[in-house]
């Protein structure tokens, strides 16, 4: 079985509470009925956010994710549970539907077709706010610290996996850090887009039949107050209910974050390969024995975990893309791939949240630079000859590099041996720290 994520049910509880409050404020729901609905919704929401009581509460919501594509089964499951809990609270029996009816009261002014996409957006925004943003910020902070720690270390750059001109290790890590800053911007932008496009109020096909014209705005106000996220009614309900564009766009940004993490992880793994027969420019913290047959081997397990997470998220992106495509998920006036889209999005957020925290604590924070190795590689690099080109011309600098490759000498050794330049001028040109920033 694949039950709908608890986060979706939690968002539904918040939504049903906000709807009851709005209907009461509009004079359509008695205060006592509103109070009973709100009490049941609070009980559900509180139980779900507590890992200790979550499993017991989720037993009341057995509907599988692979259901009708509108999420009607889940919406009715929530309506019935809220009704039953409210009836029990009022001294009635389960299934009595009195004093709180699942359709007439809990679902008043609503349809599965506008509540499920609304709950999906609310759940996504909440998990981004509570889990994903803090995870990205943690990893960004770790990379920022490493950028400062390694700022003084000049290493050889590599393009096409071939030696290139020098770069500071801190500069490389600053690139990683910038990717995480971009990830924060992408996440916040996605939240803003999703929060500003709630389908509530559209009911069956976006026309708003059987709902008060002020209902949706009041629901959004109450959801905003409850969560601290500025939710707004969709500008166009027909778009909000018939397409998944907002979710496709948001997940595409999360996929970009996953791709960034994969690039960072791969680069760090490459710099750490060895220790005797690879680059060995940095050392990773050992978190477990690396091999069942090779004693003393340490593998980049956290890095490979992050890279596999990235692969999974790329697959999830295909799922959500197909869910939004015409003829598959989006058909005329209603998208019919919402349950799968919701749980897939929430899985991606959970994977990103967990992997950023794990990557930070068990890998990035413990990275150390092997300075002797870095310095030796830089000194032996033939790309130092690049700084000779403005002085000697490209052809002569290239000839020197080729001669050094053939003889096994360094650029410095060859130039001194053949009196190419005065020693003090050579020292100035081959000062690697001066090669890592522009010059007039």
Protein backbone atom coordinates (compact mmCIF):
# COMPACT_ATOMS: atom_id res chain seq x y z
CA UNK A 1 0.00 0.00 0.00
CA UNK A 2 1.05 3.58 -0.66
CA UNK A 3 -1.07 5.85 1.52
CA UNK A 4 -1.26 9.55 0.81
CA UNK A 5 1.48 11.45 2.68
CA UNK A 6 0.71 12.66 6.19
CA UNK A 7 1.70 16.14 5.06
CA UNK A 8 -1.26 16.22 2.66
CA UNK A 9 -3.68 15.13 5.40
CA UNK A 10 -2.20 17.76 7.72
CA UNK A 11 -2.75 20.43 5.06
CA UNK A 12 -6.31 19.20 4.59
CA UNK A 13 -6.95 19.57 8.32
CA UNK A 14 -5.72 23.17 8.20
CA UNK A 15 -7.86 23.80 5.12
CA UNK A 16 -11.05 22.31 6.58
CA UNK A 17 -10.59 24.40 9.72
CA UNK A 18 -10.08 27.58 7.69
CA UNK A 19 -13.13 26.73 5.56
CA UNK A 20 -15.31 26.24 8.63
CA UNK A 21 -14.16 29.55 10.08
CA UNK A 22 -14.86 31.33 6.78
CA UNK A 23 -18.31 29.79 6.45
CA UNK A 24 -19.14 30.77 10.02
CA UNK A 25 -17.97 34.34 9.41
CA UNK A 26 -20.19 34.44 6.33
CA UNK A 27 -23.19 33.34 8.38
CA UNK A 28 -23.49 29.97 6.67
CA UNK A 29 -22.32 27.75 9.55
CA UNK A 30 -23.47 27.84 13.15
CA UNK A 31 -20.86 28.68 15.79
CA UNK A 32 -21.29 25.34 17.57
CA UNK A 33 -20.78 23.39 14.34
CA UNK A 34 -17.76 25.49 13.41
CA UNK A 35 -16.26 24.90 16.85
CA UNK A 36 -16.69 21.13 16.58
CA UNK A 37 -15.08 21.05 13.12
CA UNK A 38 -12.18 23.24 14.24
CA UNK A 39 -11.59 21.08 17.31
CA UNK A 40 -11.43 17.92 15.21
CA UNK A 41 -9.11 19.56 12.67
CA UNK A 42 -6.80 20.78 15.43
CA UNK A 43 -6.66 17.28 16.90
CA UNK A 44 -5.75 15.79 13.53
CA UNK A 45 -3.12 18.44 12.75
CA UNK A 46 -1.48 18.22 16.17
CA UNK A 47 -1.31 14.43 16.04
CA UNK A 48 0.26 14.45 12.59
CA UNK A 49 3.07 16.90 13.35
CA UNK A 50 4.09 14.78 16.36
CA UNK A 51 6.06 11.70 15.20
CA UNK A 52 4.94 9.89 18.35
CA UNK A 53 1.23 10.07 17.47
CA UNK A 54 1.43 10.33 13.68
CA UNK A 55 1.14 6.63 12.91
CA UNK A 56 -1.97 6.17 15.04
CA UNK A 57 -3.68 9.15 13.43
CA UNK A 58 -2.77 8.04 9.90
CA UNK A 59 -4.65 4.77 10.46
CA UNK A 60 -7.79 6.82 9.95
CA UNK A 61 -6.57 7.82 6.47
CA UNK A 62 -5.91 4.56 4.60
CA UNK A 63 -6.72 5.80 1.10
CA UNK A 64 -3.97 4.89 -1.36
CA UNK A 65 -2.16 7.46 -3.46
CA UNK A 66 -3.13 5.52 -6.57
CA UNK A 67 -6.78 6.53 -6.51
CA UNK A 68 -8.97 8.79 -8.58
CA UNK A 69 -6.74 11.51 -10.00
CA UNK A 70 -8.73 14.36 -8.48
CA UNK A 71 -8.06 13.15 -4.94
CA UNK A 72 -11.78 12.83 -4.23
CA UNK A 73 -11.22 9.73 -2.11
CA UNK A 74 -8.82 11.59 0.16
CA UNK A 75 -11.05 14.65 0.43
CA UNK A 76 -14.02 12.48 1.45
CA UNK A 77 -11.82 10.48 3.82
CA UNK A 78 -10.90 13.73 5.57
CA UNK A 79 -14.50 14.97 5.58
CA UNK A 80 -15.71 11.74 7.17
CA UNK A 81 -12.99 11.57 9.81
CA UNK A 82 -13.55 15.20 10.80
CA UNK A 83 -17.29 14.56 10.97
CA UNK A 84 -16.88 11.43 13.08
CA UNK A 85 -14.44 13.08 15.49
CA UNK A 86 -16.71 16.10 15.82
CA UNK A 87 -19.74 13.89 16.44
CA UNK A 88 -17.89 11.92 19.12
CA UNK A 89 -16.86 15.18 20.76
CA UNK A 90 -20.52 16.23 20.82
CA UNK A 91 -21.56 12.96 22.46
CA UNK A 92 -22.88 11.36 19.29
CA UNK A 93 -21.68 8.23 17.49
CA UNK A 94 -19.33 7.49 14.63
CA UNK A 95 -21.26 7.60 11.39
CA UNK A 96 -24.15 9.56 12.90
CA UNK A 97 -23.37 12.60 10.72
CA UNK A 98 -25.15 14.70 13.33
CA UNK A 99 -24.46 17.37 14.52
CA UNK A 100 -21.65 17.56 11.92
CA UNK A 101 -22.25 16.22 8.41
CA UNK A 102 -19.20 15.39 6.22
CA UNK A 103 -20.64 17.02 3.10
CA UNK A 104 -23.11 19.61 4.32
CA UNK A 105 -20.80 21.06 6.98
CA UNK A 106 -17.15 19.93 6.63
CA UNK A 107 -17.16 20.21 2.83
CA UNK A 108 -19.40 23.30 2.68
CA UNK A 109 -18.55 25.54 -0.28
CA UNK A 110 -15.89 23.11 -1.48
CA UNK A 111 -15.18 20.37 -3.99
CA UNK A 112 -12.46 17.75 -4.15
CA UNK A 113 -11.42 19.51 -7.34
CA UNK A 114 -10.40 22.70 -5.53
CA UNK A 115 -9.52 21.33 -2.08
CA UNK A 116 -6.94 18.76 -3.19
CA UNK A 117 -4.84 21.16 -5.28
CA UNK A 118 -5.11 23.68 -2.43
CA UNK A 119 -3.95 21.14 0.16
CA UNK A 120 -1.16 20.07 -2.20
CA UNK A 121 0.14 23.64 -2.46
CA UNK A 122 -0.21 24.24 1.29
CA UNK A 123 1.62 21.01 2.16
CA UNK A 124 4.41 21.77 -0.30
CA UNK A 125 4.92 25.30 1.01
CA UNK A 126 4.91 24.14 4.63
CA UNK A 127 7.56 21.47 4.05
CA UNK A 128 9.68 23.94 2.10
CA UNK A 129 9.44 26.39 4.98
CA UNK A 130 9.91 23.94 7.84
CA UNK A 131 12.38 21.45 6.33
CA UNK A 132 13.93 22.45 3.03
CA UNK A 133 14.95 26.06 3.63
CA UNK A 134 16.71 25.23 6.95
CA UNK A 135 18.49 22.30 5.28
CA UNK A 136 19.77 24.43 2.41
CA UNK A 137 20.81 27.18 4.81
CA UNK A 138 22.76 24.68 6.91
CA UNK A 139 24.69 23.40 3.89
CA UNK A 140 25.28 26.93 2.62
CA UNK A 141 26.75 27.90 6.00
CA UNK A 142 29.06 24.87 5.97
CA UNK A 143 30.32 25.74 2.50
CA UNK A 144 30.76 29.37 3.52
CA UNK A 145 33.00 28.29 6.40
CA UNK A 146 35.07 26.08 4.10
CA UNK A 147 35.38 28.91 1.59
CA UNK A 148 36.98 31.05 4.28
CA UNK A 149 39.11 28.19 5.63
CA UNK A 150 40.58 27.39 2.20
CA UNK A 151 40.85 30.94 0.84
CA UNK A 152 44.65 31.02 1.14
CA UNK A 153 45.29 27.69 -0.59
CA UNK A 154 46.26 27.89 -4.26
CA UNK A 155 45.72 24.67 -6.20
CA UNK A 156 45.72 23.77 -9.84
CA UNK A 157 42.53 24.37 -11.76
CA UNK A 158 41.15 21.75 -14.11
CA UNK A 159 39.06 22.10 -17.25
CA UNK A 160 38.03 19.03 -19.27
CA UNK A 161 39.70 17.09 -16.41
CA UNK A 162 43.04 18.43 -17.68
CA UNK A 163 45.44 20.75 -15.87
CA UNK A 164 44.55 24.43 -16.15
CA UNK A 165 45.70 27.66 -14.51
CA UNK A 166 45.79 27.97 -10.70
CA UNK A 167 42.73 28.65 -8.59
CA UNK A 168 42.28 28.98 -4.85
CA UNK A 169 40.54 26.08 -3.17
CA UNK A 170 38.41 28.69 -1.44
CA UNK A 171 37.33 30.02 -4.83
CA UNK A 172 36.12 26.57 -5.85
CA UNK A 173 34.16 26.25 -2.62
CA UNK A 174 32.77 29.75 -3.12
CA UNK A 175 31.23 28.47 -6.35
CA UNK A 176 29.58 25.66 -4.40
CA UNK A 177 28.35 28.15 -1.82
CA UNK A 178 26.85 30.34 -4.55
CA UNK A 179 24.94 27.34 -5.88
CA UNK A 180 23.36 26.92 -2.44
CA UNK A 181 22.48 30.63 -2.30
CA UNK A 182 20.81 30.19 -5.68
CA UNK A 183 19.00 27.15 -4.25
CA UNK A 184 17.55 29.32 -1.50
CA UNK A 185 16.34 31.85 -4.05
CA UNK A 186 14.79 29.09 -6.16
CA UNK A 187 13.00 27.60 -3.16
CA UNK A 188 11.62 30.94 -1.97
CA UNK A 189 10.49 31.79 -5.48
CA UNK A 190 8.72 28.43 -5.77
CA UNK A 191 6.99 28.97 -2.44
CA UNK A 192 5.78 32.39 -3.54
CA UNK A 193 4.38 30.99 -6.78
CA UNK A 194 2.58 28.09 -5.09
CA UNK A 195 1.27 30.14 -2.17
CA UNK A 196 -0.15 32.74 -4.53
CA UNK A 197 -2.15 30.26 -6.57
CA UNK A 198 -4.61 28.41 -4.31
CA UNK A 199 -7.49 26.76 -6.14
CA UNK A 200 -9.94 27.01 -3.23
CA UNK A 201 -13.15 28.75 -4.28
CA UNK A 202 -13.28 27.21 -7.74
CA UNK A 203 -15.30 24.18 -6.57
CA UNK A 204 -16.10 21.70 -9.37
CA UNK A 205 -14.72 23.25 -12.57
CA UNK A 206 -13.42 26.66 -11.52
CA UNK A 207 -16.71 28.57 -11.75
CA UNK A 208 -17.22 28.72 -7.99
CA UNK A 209 -20.66 27.12 -8.05
CA UNK A 210 -22.20 26.64 -4.56
CA UNK A 211 -19.68 28.86 -2.78
CA UNK A 212 -19.79 32.43 -1.47
CA UNK A 213 -17.75 34.94 -3.54
CA UNK A 214 -15.81 36.02 -0.43
CA UNK A 215 -15.22 32.47 0.81
CA UNK A 216 -11.89 31.77 -0.92
CA UNK A 217 -10.26 35.01 0.17
CA UNK A 218 -11.31 34.43 3.77
CA UNK A 219 -9.96 30.87 3.70
CA UNK A 220 -6.61 32.13 2.40
CA UNK A 221 -6.44 34.77 5.13
CA UNK A 222 -6.99 32.14 7.82
CA UNK A 223 -4.47 29.75 6.29
CA UNK A 224 -1.94 32.57 6.20
CA UNK A 225 -2.58 33.38 9.85
CA UNK A 226 -2.24 29.72 10.82
CA UNK A 227 1.00 29.06 8.94
CA UNK A 228 2.77 32.39 8.54
CA UNK A 229 2.83 31.86 4.76
CA UNK A 230 1.05 34.51 2.62
CA UNK A 231 -1.48 32.35 0.78
CA UNK A 232 -3.67 33.94 -1.89
CA UNK A 233 -6.59 32.86 -4.03
CA UNK A 234 -5.69 31.92 -7.59
CA UNK A 235 -6.02 34.71 -10.12
CA UNK A 236 -7.67 32.28 -12.52
CA UNK A 237 -9.40 29.21 -11.08
CA UNK A 238 -9.65 27.49 -14.45
CA UNK A 239 -5.86 27.44 -14.74
CA UNK A 240 -5.41 26.46 -11.09
CA UNK A 241 -7.63 23.39 -11.37
CA UNK A 242 -7.01 22.22 -14.91
CA UNK A 243 -3.20 22.40 -14.92
CA UNK A 244 -0.22 21.55 -12.76
CA UNK A 245 1.97 24.34 -14.12
CA UNK A 246 2.82 25.71 -10.67
CA UNK A 247 3.87 22.29 -9.40
CA UNK A 248 5.79 21.44 -12.57
CA UNK A 249 7.64 24.74 -12.32
CA UNK A 250 8.35 24.37 -8.60
CA UNK A 251 9.63 20.82 -8.96
CA UNK A 252 11.80 21.87 -11.88
CA UNK A 253 13.52 24.31 -9.55
CA UNK A 254 13.97 21.58 -6.95
CA UNK A 255 15.46 19.36 -9.64
CA UNK A 256 17.93 22.15 -10.39
CA UNK A 257 18.91 22.15 -6.71
CA UNK A 258 19.39 18.38 -6.88
CA UNK A 259 21.58 18.79 -9.96
CA UNK A 260 23.63 21.42 -8.09
CA UNK A 261 24.13 19.04 -5.16
CA UNK A 262 25.21 16.29 -7.53
CA UNK A 263 27.80 18.57 -9.17
CA UNK A 264 29.16 19.68 -5.80
CA UNK A 265 29.31 16.12 -4.50
CA UNK A 266 30.98 14.83 -7.65
CA UNK A 267 33.64 17.56 -7.61
CA UNK A 268 34.45 16.95 -3.96
CA UNK A 269 34.68 13.21 -4.55
CA UNK A 270 37.07 13.78 -7.45
CA UNK A 271 39.32 16.09 -5.43
CA UNK A 272 39.42 13.49 -2.65
CA UNK A 273 40.12 10.44 -4.82
CA UNK A 274 43.12 8.41 -3.73
CA UNK A 275 44.71 8.62 -1.27
CA UNK A 276 47.90 7.30 -2.87
CA UNK A 277 46.95 7.00 -6.52
CA UNK A 278 44.51 9.84 -7.08
CA UNK A 279 44.36 13.62 -6.69
CA UNK A 280 44.17 13.50 -2.87
CA UNK A 281 43.88 17.30 -2.65
CA UNK A 282 41.35 17.06 0.16
CA UNK A 283 40.50 14.44 2.77
CA UNK A 284 36.92 13.44 3.58
CA UNK A 285 35.81 12.37 7.05
CA UNK A 286 35.50 8.60 7.38
CA UNK A 287 31.98 7.64 8.40
CA UNK A 288 32.18 3.86 7.95
CA UNK A 289 34.58 1.14 6.76
CA UNK A 290 34.67 1.33 3.00
CA UNK A 291 35.13 -2.27 2.00
CA UNK A 292 34.31 -5.75 3.23
CA UNK A 293 37.41 -7.13 1.49
CA UNK A 294 39.96 -4.29 1.33
CA UNK A 295 41.13 -3.31 4.84
CA UNK A 296 41.61 0.39 5.51
CA UNK A 297 39.63 1.55 2.49
CA UNK A 298 37.43 4.61 3.03
CA UNK A 299 34.69 5.32 0.50
CA UNK A 300 32.85 8.64 -0.09
CA UNK A 301 29.58 7.18 1.17
CA UNK A 302 27.83 10.45 2.03
CA UNK A 303 28.71 11.90 -1.35
CA UNK A 304 27.35 8.86 -3.15
CA UNK A 305 24.21 9.07 -1.03
CA UNK A 306 23.70 12.67 -2.17
CA UNK A 307 24.27 11.72 -5.80
CA UNK A 308 21.70 8.92 -5.62
CA UNK A 309 19.20 11.33 -4.08
CA UNK A 310 19.78 13.59 -7.06
CA UNK A 311 19.11 10.73 -9.47
CA UNK A 312 15.83 9.92 -7.71
CA UNK A 313 14.72 13.55 -7.85
CA UNK A 314 15.41 13.71 -11.57
CA UNK A 315 13.11 10.69 -11.92
CA UNK A 316 10.50 12.40 -9.76
CA UNK A 317 10.66 15.39 -12.07
CA UNK A 318 9.69 13.20 -15.00
CA UNK A 319 6.70 11.90 -13.01
CA UNK A 320 5.45 15.40 -12.20
CA UNK A 321 6.10 16.61 -15.74
CA UNK A 322 3.96 13.80 -17.12
CA UNK A 323 1.31 14.59 -14.50
CA UNK A 324 1.00 18.07 -15.92
CA UNK A 325 1.00 17.09 -19.59
CA UNK A 326 -2.11 17.35 -21.71
CA UNK A 327 -3.66 13.98 -22.48
CA UNK A 328 -2.04 12.40 -19.43
CA UNK A 329 -2.60 14.34 -16.21
CA UNK A 330 -4.26 17.52 -17.44
CA UNK A 331 -7.55 16.93 -19.23
CA UNK A 332 -9.86 19.82 -20.09
CA UNK A 333 -11.20 21.32 -16.83
CA UNK A 334 -9.38 19.21 -14.23
CA UNK A 335 -5.96 17.76 -13.63
CA UNK A 336 -6.26 14.09 -12.74
CA UNK A 337 -2.77 13.27 -11.48
CA UNK A 338 -2.88 15.24 -8.24
CA UNK A 339 -2.37 12.56 -5.56
CA UNK A 340 0.73 11.17 -7.28
CA UNK A 341 2.03 14.68 -7.93
CA UNK A 342 1.58 15.64 -4.28
CA UNK A 343 3.39 12.66 -2.78
CA UNK A 344 6.15 12.86 -5.38
CA UNK A 345 6.77 16.53 -4.63
CA UNK A 346 6.80 15.87 -0.89
CA UNK A 347 9.24 12.99 -1.33
CA UNK A 348 11.57 15.28 -3.26
CA UNK A 349 11.42 17.90 -0.52
CA UNK A 350 12.12 15.30 2.15
CA UNK A 351 15.05 13.85 0.19
CA UNK A 352 16.57 17.29 -0.39
CA UNK A 353 16.03 18.33 3.22
CA UNK A 354 17.62 15.20 4.65
CA UNK A 355 20.51 15.08 2.20
CA UNK A 356 21.52 18.73 2.69
CA UNK A 357 21.67 18.24 6.46
CA UNK A 358 23.54 14.94 6.09
CA UNK A 359 25.94 16.34 3.48
CA UNK A 360 26.75 19.26 5.76
CA UNK A 361 27.22 17.42 9.05
CA UNK A 362 28.86 14.20 7.88
CA UNK A 363 30.94 15.42 4.97
CA UNK A 364 31.48 19.13 4.34
CA UNK A 365 32.17 20.12 7.96
CA UNK A 366 34.93 17.50 8.23
CA UNK A 367 36.78 18.17 4.97
CA UNK A 368 40.46 19.03 5.36
CA UNK A 369 42.94 20.16 2.72
CA UNK A 370 46.12 18.21 2.02
CA UNK A 371 48.30 21.29 1.62
CA UNK A 372 51.56 19.51 0.80
CA UNK A 373 49.91 17.57 -2.01
CA UNK A 374 48.23 20.70 -3.36
CA UNK A 375 51.47 22.70 -3.33
CA UNK A 376 53.43 19.93 -5.04
CA UNK A 377 50.87 19.54 -7.82
CA UNK A 378 50.80 23.29 -8.45
CA UNK A 379 54.58 23.53 -8.69
CA UNK A 380 54.71 20.64 -11.18
CA UNK A 381 51.93 21.97 -13.39
CA UNK A 382 52.87 22.96 -16.92
CA UNK A 383 50.00 25.42 -16.98
CA UNK A 384 52.09 27.87 -14.97
CA UNK A 385 53.64 28.65 -18.32
CA UNK A 386 50.47 30.57 -19.16
CA UNK A 387 51.86 33.57 -17.27
CA UNK A 388 54.94 33.55 -19.52
CA UNK A 389 52.86 34.16 -22.66
CA UNK A 390 52.39 37.94 -22.19
CA UNK A 391 56.14 38.25 -21.61
CA UNK A 392 57.54 35.80 -24.19
CA UNK A 393 54.66 35.27 -26.59
CA UNK A 394 52.32 32.32 -26.92
CA UNK A 395 54.54 30.21 -29.18
CA UNK A 396 57.63 30.38 -26.96
CA UNK A 397 55.58 29.74 -23.81
CA UNK A 398 54.01 26.69 -25.48
CA UNK A 399 57.43 25.43 -26.55
CA UNK A 400 58.69 25.72 -22.96
CA UNK A 401 55.69 23.75 -21.67
CA UNK A 402 56.28 21.00 -24.24
CA UNK A 403 59.96 20.84 -23.38
CA UNK A 404 59.14 20.54 -19.68
CA UNK A 405 56.66 17.75 -20.36
CA UNK A 406 59.34 15.85 -22.27
CA UNK A 407 62.13 16.42 -19.74
CA UNK A 408 60.04 16.07 -16.59
CA UNK A 409 61.18 19.45 -15.32
CA UNK A 410 58.99 22.15 -13.82
CA UNK A 411 58.51 25.45 -15.63
CA UNK A 412 60.68 27.13 -13.03
CA UNK A 413 63.51 24.58 -13.32
CA UNK A 414 63.58 24.75 -17.12
CA UNK A 415 63.55 28.54 -17.28
CA UNK A 416 66.36 28.85 -14.74
CA UNK A 417 68.45 26.20 -16.47
CA UNK A 418 68.11 27.89 -19.85
CA UNK A 419 68.29 31.49 -18.62
CA UNK A 420 64.92 32.29 -20.15
CA UNK A 421 64.25 35.11 -17.66
CA UNK A 422 66.07 36.70 -14.71
CA UNK A 423 65.32 34.82 -11.46
CA UNK A 424 63.52 37.75 -9.82
CA UNK A 425 61.32 38.28 -12.87
CA UNK A 426 60.63 34.56 -13.05
CA UNK A 427 59.62 34.50 -9.38
CA UNK A 428 57.23 37.36 -10.01
CA UNK A 429 55.64 35.69 -13.04
CA UNK A 430 55.36 32.31 -11.32
CA UNK A 431 53.82 33.67 -8.10
CA UNK A 432 50.77 31.42 -8.10
CA UNK A 433 48.83 33.58 -5.66
CA UNK A 434 48.92 36.36 -8.26
CA UNK A 435 47.44 34.03 -10.87
CA UNK A 436 44.09 33.74 -9.09
CA UNK A 437 42.71 37.22 -9.77
CA UNK A 438 42.63 39.71 -12.66
CA UNK A 439 45.50 42.09 -13.41
CA UNK A 440 45.49 45.35 -15.31
